[in-house]
Amino acid sequence: MPIRAVLWDIDDTIFDYSGADRTGMRKHLEHEGFPEGYDSLERALDAWKAVTDVQWARFAAGELDFQQQRRERVRAFLGRGLSDAEADEWFGRHATHYEAAWALFPDTLPVLDRLAGTFRHAVLSNSSIHNQDRKLRALGVRDRFEAVVCAVELGISKPDAGAFHAACEVLELDPHEVAYVGNEPDIDASGAVAAGLTGIWLDREGRGGRPELVRITGLAELPGLLAGDTRFGAPDTFG
């Protein structure tokens, strides 16, 4: 049976999360003052990303709730104990600058336009509905998606098969009728495949090295892939 719907990741797939987060933190530190323990702004920005990756993994594993992972990011980055209120306030000041930098990737709208009417569309994110619904509305694309399904409300995160199946249930489609597009090879593409969906790894950075995965390096390649473009091995993958 052919693919009938595309299920999308948001951050670093259609939305330039990394760019917005780095720009927002740069602006935040310019206003907040440079934290102790870092010898350059670039090292501080790299450290913030590393801390975010660690604490987000703890959230995905169920060790922290959504608000706790934010607080732990702030505490680890600053290297000192803060009360919950202090950590929330610091993160909130950062969020103001981060949200001011929100932007879709340039290839997002053209591809959504090309696929409109041919495939149904929904979102599965490892964040919260509060954050992601608001983000999609601010970016002007919420109405492109039938549903936004998020880990915080589900109680399970990608790559757990249950997260993918929950999104398929919302669409009332079987997993083999759904393609999942995301920027993480394991959490997104491999997780989707294990759950019975067609997983597509959006490798914007050109990392490569995962021949077992269906891989694209930009969203402009997606319509051809879904249409059965043999350059991507589509006949074997999509039938």
Foldseek 3Di string as FASTA:
>chain_A
DFAAAEAEEPDPFFKPQLVLLLQLVLVLCVVVPPAPPDDDSVVLSVLLVVLLVVLLVCCQVVNDPQLVSQLSSQCVSNVHDDPSVVSVVSVVSSVVSSLVSIETPPVNVVLLVVCPPRHAYAYEYQHDCVVPCVSCVVHPHNVSHPYYHYCNVVVHAFLPLVSVVVVCVVVVHDQCNYEYEDQDVHRFQVSSVVNPHHYEHQPCVPPDDCVVHQYDNHSVCVVCLSVQNPVRPNVVRRD
